[in-house]
Amino acid sequence: MEPQIQGEDLFKFIPQRPPFVMVDKLFTAEKNSIVSGLSIKADNLLVNNATFQESGLIENMAQTCALYAGFKANELDKPAPVGFIAGIKNVVIGKLPAEGEEIITKIEIVNELMNMQIAMASVHDVDNTLLASCELRIFIKEED
């Protein structure tokens, strides 16, 4: 799968900035879903002992939600909104990826109500092995 957008070009879709960026590719974006990627690098703040930590997988899923919101805002010529994790449910961590691996994250928006998004998230490796999943509730801050 080839990315549509990658690297610093993603910064127009997400509010996060280095060194705390946990997505580096956008593969696909559809009406209610988005697929991102991340190459796990040694200098990532959430890598410890050459392994991407649980907190990194959760932050990657949350930033993929941010990527979705930013992509949708960009379609309306608006800036990427700031979002906050309002809740996380049913977190399953199956395997932690190692430095040098690529992860692929899919977000499916299952409900949007006012400024709240409810998303089902899953992270896979390049062999499509499920690494992590959860339900995220994201509060999107209104523009000032």
N, C-alpha and C. Protein backbone atom coordinates (compact mmCIF):
# COMPACT_ATOMS: atom_id res chain seq x y z
N MET A 1 0.85 -1.18 0.00
CA MET A 1 0.00 0.00 0.00
C MET A 1 0.90 1.24 0.00
N GLU A 2 0.65 2.13 -0.92
CA GLU A 2 1.43 3.36 -1.05
C GLU A 2 0.72 4.52 -0.34
N PRO A 3 1.47 5.33 0.43
CA PRO A 3 0.83 6.46 1.11
C PRO A 3 0.42 7.55 0.13
N GLN A 4 -0.72 8.19 0.43
CA GLN A 4 -1.17 9.36 -0.33
C GLN A 4 -0.38 10.59 0.11
N ILE A 5 -0.13 10.67 1.42
CA ILE A 5 0.55 11.81 2.02
C ILE A 5 1.48 11.25 3.09
N GLN A 6 2.66 11.86 3.23
CA GLN A 6 3.56 11.37 4.27
C GLN A 6 4.48 12.47 4.76
N GLY A 7 5.15 12.18 5.87
CA GLY A 7 6.12 13.11 6.44
C GLY A 7 5.52 14.42 6.88
N GLU A 8 6.26 15.49 6.67
CA GLU A 8 5.84 16.81 7.12
C GLU A 8 4.58 17.31 6.43
N ASP A 9 4.23 16.75 5.28
CA ASP A 9 2.99 17.15 4.60
C ASP A 9 1.76 16.82 5.45
N LEU A 10 1.91 15.90 6.41
CA LEU A 10 0.79 15.56 7.30
C LEU A 10 0.49 16.66 8.31
N PHE A 11 1.43 17.59 8.53
CA PHE A 11 1.26 18.59 9.56
C PHE A 11 0.09 19.53 9.30
N LYS A 12 -0.39 19.61 8.08
CA LYS A 12 -1.57 20.45 7.85
C LYS A 12 -2.85 19.75 8.29
N PHE A 13 -2.75 18.44 8.63
CA PHE A 13 -3.92 17.67 9.05
C PHE A 13 -3.94 17.34 10.53
N ILE A 14 -2.81 17.51 11.21
CA ILE A 14 -2.75 17.17 12.64
C ILE A 14 -2.18 18.35 13.43
N PRO A 15 -2.65 18.53 14.66
CA PRO A 15 -2.09 19.61 15.48
C PRO A 15 -0.77 19.24 16.15
N GLN A 16 -0.44 17.95 16.23
CA GLN A 16 0.78 17.52 16.89
C GLN A 16 2.01 17.94 16.09
N ARG A 17 3.09 18.15 16.82
CA ARG A 17 4.36 18.52 16.19
C ARG A 17 5.49 17.70 16.82
N PRO A 18 6.62 17.58 16.09
CA PRO A 18 7.75 16.85 16.65
C PRO A 18 8.15 17.46 18.00
N PRO A 19 8.57 16.64 18.91
CA PRO A 19 8.91 15.23 18.77
C PRO A 19 7.76 14.28 19.09
N PHE A 20 6.52 14.80 19.18
CA PHE A 20 5.42 13.94 19.61
C PHE A 20 4.43 13.67 18.48
N VAL A 21 4.95 13.21 17.34
CA VAL A 21 4.12 12.84 16.20
C VAL A 21 4.17 11.32 16.07
N MET A 22 2.98 10.70 16.13
CA MET A 22 2.90 9.23 16.12
C MET A 22 2.21 8.70 14.86
N VAL A 23 2.12 9.51 13.81
CA VAL A 23 1.67 9.09 12.49
C VAL A 23 2.62 9.74 11.47
N ASP A 24 3.02 9.00 10.46
CA ASP A 24 3.87 9.62 9.45
C ASP A 24 3.42 9.33 8.02
N LYS A 25 2.27 8.64 7.89
CA LYS A 25 1.72 8.35 6.56
C LYS A 25 0.20 8.34 6.62
N LEU A 26 -0.41 8.78 5.54
CA LEU A 26 -1.85 8.63 5.35
C LEU A 26 -2.01 7.76 4.11
N PHE A 27 -2.62 6.59 4.30
CA PHE A 27 -2.81 5.67 3.18
C PHE A 27 -4.15 5.92 2.47
N THR A 28 -5.24 5.89 3.22
CA THR A 28 -6.56 6.12 2.63
C THR A 28 -7.42 6.92 3.59
N ALA A 29 -8.32 7.70 3.02
CA ALA A 29 -9.30 8.44 3.80
C ALA A 29 -10.64 8.32 3.08
N GLU A 30 -11.63 7.86 3.80
CA GLU A 30 -12.97 7.70 3.24
C GLU A 30 -13.97 8.43 4.12
N LYS A 31 -15.24 8.27 3.81
CA LYS A 31 -16.28 9.02 4.52
C LYS A 31 -16.22 8.84 6.03
N ASN A 32 -16.07 7.63 6.51
CA ASN A 32 -16.08 7.36 7.95
C ASN A 32 -14.86 6.60 8.43
N SER A 33 -13.79 6.61 7.65
CA SER A 33 -12.60 5.87 8.08
C SER A 33 -11.33 6.48 7.49
N ILE A 34 -10.23 6.10 8.11
CA ILE A 34 -8.93 6.54 7.65
C ILE A 34 -7.91 5.48 8.03
N VAL A 35 -6.86 5.35 7.22
CA VAL A 35 -5.79 4.40 7.50
C VAL A 35 -4.47 5.17 7.48
N SER A 36 -3.74 5.07 8.60
CA SER A 36 -2.45 5.75 8.72
C SER A 36 -1.33 4.73 8.89
N GLY A 37 -0.11 5.22 8.84
CA GLY A 37 1.05 4.38 9.08
C GLY A 37 2.07 5.09 9.94
N LEU A 38 2.92 4.31 10.57
CA LEU A 38 4.02 4.87 11.36
C LEU A 38 5.20 3.91 11.28
N SER A 39 6.35 4.46 10.93
CA SER A 39 7.60 3.71 11.00
C SER A 39 8.17 3.91 12.40
N ILE A 40 8.39 2.83 13.11
CA ILE A 40 8.89 2.91 14.48
C ILE A 40 10.39 3.16 14.44
N LYS A 41 10.79 4.33 14.93
CA LYS A 41 12.20 4.73 14.90
C LYS A 41 12.77 4.79 16.31
N ALA A 42 14.06 4.62 16.41
CA ALA A 42 14.75 4.58 17.71
C ALA A 42 14.58 5.88 18.49
N ASP A 43 14.46 7.02 17.78
CA ASP A 43 14.35 8.31 18.48
C ASP A 43 12.92 8.67 18.87
N ASN A 44 11.96 7.79 18.62
CA ASN A 44 10.58 8.04 19.02
C ASN A 44 10.52 8.09 20.54
N LEU A 45 9.85 9.11 21.08
CA LEU A 45 9.76 9.27 22.53
C LEU A 45 9.11 8.10 23.24
N LEU A 46 8.29 7.32 22.54
CA LEU A 46 7.57 6.22 23.16
C LEU A 46 8.18 4.86 22.83
N VAL A 47 9.43 4.88 22.38
CA VAL A 47 10.20 3.64 22.21
C VAL A 47 11.10 3.47 23.42
N ASN A 48 11.05 2.30 24.02
CA ASN A 48 11.90 1.97 25.16
C ASN A 48 12.46 0.57 24.94
N ASN A 49 13.78 0.43 25.11
CA ASN A 49 14.44 -0.86 24.87
C ASN A 49 14.10 -1.42 23.49
N ALA A 50 14.13 -0.54 22.48
CA ALA A 50 13.89 -0.90 21.08
C ALA A 50 12.49 -1.42 20.80
N THR A 51 11.53 -1.08 21.70
CA THR A 51 10.15 -1.52 21.54
C THR A 51 9.20 -0.33 21.71
N PHE A 52 8.25 -0.21 20.78
CA PHE A 52 7.21 0.82 20.86
C PHE A 52 6.26 0.40 21.98
N GLN A 53 6.06 1.28 22.94
CA GLN A 53 5.32 0.94 24.16
C GLN A 53 3.79 1.01 23.97
N GLU A 54 3.08 0.47 24.95
CA GLU A 54 1.61 0.49 24.94
C GLU A 54 1.08 1.90 24.76
N SER A 55 1.69 2.85 25.48
CA SER A 55 1.25 4.24 25.37
C SER A 55 1.44 4.76 23.95
N GLY A 56 2.45 4.28 23.25
CA GLY A 56 2.67 4.67 21.86
C GLY A 56 1.58 4.16 20.95
N LEU A 57 1.16 2.91 21.17
CA LEU A 57 0.07 2.36 20.35
C LEU A 57 -1.22 3.14 20.57
N ILE A 58 -1.52 3.48 21.82
CA ILE A 58 -2.74 4.25 22.11
C ILE A 58 -2.64 5.64 21.52
N GLU A 59 -1.48 6.29 21.68
CA GLU A 59 -1.31 7.63 21.11
C GLU A 59 -1.38 7.58 19.58
N ASN A 60 -0.85 6.53 18.97
CA ASN A 60 -0.94 6.38 17.52
C ASN A 60 -2.40 6.29 17.08
N MET A 61 -3.22 5.54 17.82
CA MET A 61 -4.64 5.44 17.47
C MET A 61 -5.32 6.79 17.65
N ALA A 62 -4.99 7.52 18.72
CA ALA A 62 -5.59 8.83 18.96
C ALA A 62 -5.16 9.83 17.88
N GLN A 63 -3.90 9.80 17.49
CA GLN A 63 -3.43 10.72 16.45
C GLN A 63 -4.00 10.35 15.08
N THR A 64 -4.34 9.09 14.88
CA THR A 64 -5.01 8.72 13.64
C THR A 64 -6.42 9.31 13.63
N CYS A 65 -7.06 9.37 14.80
CA CYS A 65 -8.35 10.07 14.90
C CYS A 65 -8.17 11.56 14.58
N ALA A 66 -7.09 12.15 15.08
CA ALA A 66 -6.79 13.55 14.78
C ALA A 66 -6.57 13.74 13.29
N LEU A 67 -5.90 12.78 12.67
CA LEU A 67 -5.66 12.84 11.23
C LEU A 67 -6.99 12.82 10.47
N TYR A 68 -7.91 11.99 10.92
CA TYR A 68 -9.25 11.92 10.30
C TYR A 68 -9.94 13.28 10.43
N ALA A 69 -9.96 13.85 11.64
CA ALA A 69 -10.63 15.14 11.86
C ALA A 69 -9.97 16.23 11.04
N GLY A 70 -8.65 16.22 10.97
CA GLY A 70 -7.93 17.23 10.19
C GLY A 70 -8.15 17.08 8.70
N PHE A 71 -8.22 15.85 8.23
CA PHE A 71 -8.48 15.60 6.81
C PHE A 71 -9.87 16.12 6.44
N LYS A 72 -10.85 15.83 7.30
CA LYS A 72 -12.22 16.31 7.05
C LYS A 72 -12.29 17.84 7.11
N ALA A 73 -11.59 18.45 8.07
CA ALA A 73 -11.57 19.90 8.17
C ALA A 73 -10.92 20.52 6.95
N ASN A 74 -9.85 19.91 6.46
CA ASN A 74 -9.15 20.41 5.29
C ASN A 74 -10.05 20.41 4.05
N GLU A 75 -10.91 19.41 3.96
CA GLU A 75 -11.86 19.37 2.83
C GLU A 75 -12.80 20.57 2.85
N LEU A 76 -13.00 21.17 4.05
CA LEU A 76 -13.87 22.34 4.21
C LEU A 76 -13.06 23.63 4.30
N ASP A 77 -11.76 23.56 3.94
CA ASP A 77 -10.83 24.69 4.02
C ASP A 77 -10.72 25.26 5.42
N LYS A 78 -10.77 24.39 6.42
CA LYS A 78 -10.60 24.79 7.81
C LYS A 78 -9.30 24.20 8.33
N PRO A 79 -8.72 24.80 9.38
CA PRO A 79 -7.49 24.25 9.95
C PRO A 79 -7.77 22.96 10.72
N ALA A 80 -6.73 22.19 10.93
CA ALA A 80 -6.86 20.96 11.71
C ALA A 80 -7.31 21.31 13.12
N PRO A 81 -8.39 20.69 13.60
CA PRO A 81 -8.87 20.99 14.96
C PRO A 81 -8.03 20.29 16.02
N VAL A 82 -8.13 20.80 17.21
CA VAL A 82 -7.49 20.16 18.36
C VAL A 82 -8.52 19.24 19.00
N GLY A 83 -8.09 18.04 19.32
CA GLY A 83 -8.98 17.08 19.97
C GLY A 83 -8.36 16.57 21.25
N PHE A 84 -9.20 16.05 22.12
CA PHE A 84 -8.76 15.51 23.40
C PHE A 84 -9.39 14.14 23.58
N ILE A 85 -8.63 13.22 24.13
CA ILE A 85 -9.19 11.90 24.43
C ILE A 85 -10.15 12.07 25.59
N ALA A 86 -11.42 11.77 25.34
CA ALA A 86 -12.44 11.85 26.38
C ALA A 86 -12.64 10.50 27.07
N GLY A 87 -12.29 9.42 26.38
CA GLY A 87 -12.43 8.10 26.97
C GLY A 87 -11.83 7.03 26.08
N ILE A 88 -11.38 5.99 26.72
CA ILE A 88 -10.83 4.82 26.02
C ILE A 88 -11.48 3.60 26.64
N LYS A 89 -12.01 2.71 25.80
CA LYS A 89 -12.66 1.49 26.29
C LYS A 89 -12.10 0.28 25.55
N ASN A 90 -12.18 -0.85 26.23
CA ASN A 90 -11.85 -2.14 25.62
C ASN A 90 -10.49 -2.18 24.94
N VAL A 91 -9.48 -1.67 25.64
CA VAL A 91 -8.12 -1.68 25.09
C VAL A 91 -7.58 -3.11 25.11
N VAL A 92 -7.08 -3.54 23.97
CA VAL A 92 -6.42 -4.84 23.85
C VAL A 92 -5.06 -4.59 23.21
N ILE A 93 -4.01 -5.00 23.91
CA ILE A 93 -2.65 -4.91 23.36
C ILE A 93 -2.17 -6.34 23.18
N GLY A 94 -1.98 -6.74 21.95
CA GLY A 94 -1.57 -8.12 21.66
C GLY A 94 -0.07 -8.28 21.55
N LYS A 95 0.59 -7.29 20.95
CA LYS A 95 2.02 -7.38 20.71
C LYS A 95 2.58 -5.98 20.53
N LEU A 96 3.75 -5.76 21.07
CA LEU A 96 4.41 -4.46 20.91
C LEU A 96 5.37 -4.53 19.72
N PRO A 97 5.25 -3.58 18.79
CA PRO A 97 6.15 -3.59 17.63
C PRO A 97 7.55 -3.13 18.02
N ALA A 98 8.52 -3.63 17.29
CA ALA A 98 9.92 -3.30 17.55
C ALA A 98 10.37 -2.13 16.68
N GLU A 99 11.41 -1.50 17.14
CA GLU A 99 12.08 -0.46 16.37
C GLU A 99 12.37 -1.01 14.97
N GLY A 100 12.10 -0.20 13.95
CA GLY A 100 12.34 -0.62 12.58
C GLY A 100 11.10 -1.18 11.89
N GLU A 101 10.08 -1.53 12.67
CA GLU A 101 8.85 -2.06 12.09
C GLU A 101 7.93 -0.93 11.64
N GLU A 102 7.00 -1.28 10.79
CA GLU A 102 5.96 -0.37 10.31
C GLU A 102 4.64 -0.83 10.89
N ILE A 103 3.84 0.11 11.39
CA ILE A 103 2.50 -0.24 11.84
C ILE A 103 1.47 0.48 10.98
N ILE A 104 0.31 -0.12 10.85
CA ILE A 104 -0.78 0.42 10.04
C ILE A 104 -2.00 0.49 10.95
N THR A 105 -2.61 1.66 11.02
CA THR A 105 -3.70 1.91 11.95
C THR A 105 -4.95 2.31 11.19
N LYS A 106 -6.06 1.65 11.52
CA LYS A 106 -7.34 1.97 10.89
C LYS A 106 -8.29 2.49 11.95
N ILE A 107 -8.93 3.58 11.61
CA ILE A 107 -9.95 4.19 12.46
C ILE A 107 -11.26 4.15 11.69
N GLU A 108 -12.30 3.69 12.35
CA GLU A 108 -13.64 3.77 11.77
C GLU A 108 -14.50 4.56 12.73
N ILE A 109 -15.04 5.66 12.24
CA ILE A 109 -15.93 6.50 13.05
C ILE A 109 -17.29 5.82 13.08
N VAL A 110 -17.73 5.44 14.28
CA VAL A 110 -19.01 4.74 14.40
C VAL A 110 -20.13 5.67 14.84
N ASN A 111 -19.75 6.85 15.38
CA ASN A 111 -20.77 7.82 15.76
C ASN A 111 -20.12 9.18 15.93
N GLU A 112 -20.83 10.20 15.51
CA GLU A 112 -20.41 11.59 15.73
C GLU A 112 -21.61 12.34 16.25
N LEU A 113 -21.42 13.00 17.37
CA LEU A 113 -22.51 13.76 17.97
C LEU A 113 -21.93 15.05 18.51
N MET A 114 -22.38 16.15 17.94
CA MET A 114 -21.87 17.47 18.29
C MET A 114 -20.34 17.46 18.15
N ASN A 115 -19.61 17.65 19.24
CA ASN A 115 -18.14 17.72 19.16
C ASN A 115 -17.48 16.42 19.60
N MET A 116 -18.21 15.33 19.62
CA MET A 116 -17.67 14.05 20.08
C MET A 116 -17.66 13.04 18.95
N GLN A 117 -16.51 12.39 18.79
CA GLN A 117 -16.39 11.29 17.83
C GLN A 117 -16.19 10.01 18.63
N ILE A 118 -16.86 8.95 18.20
CA ILE A 118 -16.61 7.62 18.77
C ILE A 118 -16.01 6.80 17.64
N ALA A 119 -14.82 6.27 17.89
CA ALA A 119 -14.08 5.56 16.85
C ALA A 119 -13.64 4.19 17.34
N MET A 120 -13.70 3.23 16.43
CA MET A 120 -13.11 1.92 16.66
C MET A 120 -11.74 1.97 15.99
N ALA A 121 -10.73 1.59 16.74
CA ALA A 121 -9.37 1.68 16.24
C ALA A 121 -8.68 0.32 16.30
N SER A 122 -7.84 0.06 15.30
CA SER A 122 -7.03 -1.16 15.32
C SER A 122 -5.69 -0.87 14.69
N VAL A 123 -4.66 -1.51 15.25
CA VAL A 123 -3.29 -1.36 14.76
C VAL A 123 -2.81 -2.75 14.35
N HIS A 124 -2.24 -2.81 13.14
CA HIS A 124 -1.71 -4.08 12.60
C HIS A 124 -0.27 -3.88 12.17
N ASP A 125 0.45 -4.98 12.04
CA ASP A 125 1.76 -4.91 11.42
C ASP A 125 1.59 -5.13 9.92
N VAL A 126 2.68 -5.14 9.18
CA VAL A 126 2.58 -5.25 7.72
C VAL A 126 2.09 -6.63 7.27
N ASP A 127 2.14 -7.61 8.17
CA ASP A 127 1.59 -8.94 7.87
C ASP A 127 0.13 -9.07 8.28
N ASN A 128 -0.48 -7.94 8.68
CA ASN A 128 -1.88 -7.86 9.09
C ASN A 128 -2.17 -8.56 10.43
N THR A 129 -1.14 -8.74 11.25
CA THR A 129 -1.33 -9.27 12.60
C THR A 129 -1.84 -8.14 13.48
N LEU A 130 -2.92 -8.38 14.21
CA LEU A 130 -3.49 -7.37 15.09
C LEU A 130 -2.54 -7.14 16.27
N LEU A 131 -2.12 -5.90 16.45
CA LEU A 131 -1.25 -5.54 17.55
C LEU A 131 -2.02 -4.93 18.70
N ALA A 132 -3.03 -4.10 18.38
CA ALA A 132 -3.79 -3.40 19.42
C ALA A 132 -5.12 -2.94 18.86
N SER A 133 -6.07 -2.76 19.76
CA SER A 133 -7.37 -2.21 19.37
C SER A 133 -8.03 -1.55 20.58
N CYS A 134 -8.96 -0.66 20.31
CA CYS A 134 -9.73 -0.01 21.37
C CYS A 134 -10.86 0.80 20.75
N GLU A 135 -11.72 1.28 21.63
CA GLU A 135 -12.73 2.28 21.25
C GLU A 135 -12.26 3.60 21.85
N LEU A 136 -12.23 4.63 21.03
CA LEU A 136 -11.82 5.96 21.47
C LEU A 136 -12.99 6.93 21.39
N ARG A 137 -13.11 7.73 22.41
CA ARG A 137 -14.05 8.85 22.38
C ARG A 137 -13.20 10.11 22.37
N ILE A 138 -13.35 10.88 21.31
CA ILE A 138 -12.53 12.07 21.11
C ILE A 138 -13.42 13.30 21.12
N PHE A 139 -13.07 14.26 21.99
CA PHE A 139 -13.75 15.55 22.03
C PHE A 139 -12.99 16.49 21.13
N ILE A 140 -13.68 17.08 20.15
CA ILE A 140 -13.08 18.03 19.22
C ILE A 140 -13.38 19.45 19.69
N LYS A 141 -12.33 20.21 19.97
CA LYS A 141 -12.49 21.58 20.42
C LYS A 141 -13.04 22.45 19.29
N GLU A 142 -14.02 23.26 19.61
CA GLU A 142 -14.57 24.18 18.62
C GLU A 142 -13.55 25.25 18.30
N GLU A 143 -13.62 25.76 17.06
CA GLU A 143 -12.73 26.84 16.65
C GLU A 143 -13.02 28.09 17.48
N ASP A 144 -11.95 28.86 17.78
CA ASP A 144 -12.13 30.11 18.52
C ASP A 144 -12.66 31.18 17.62
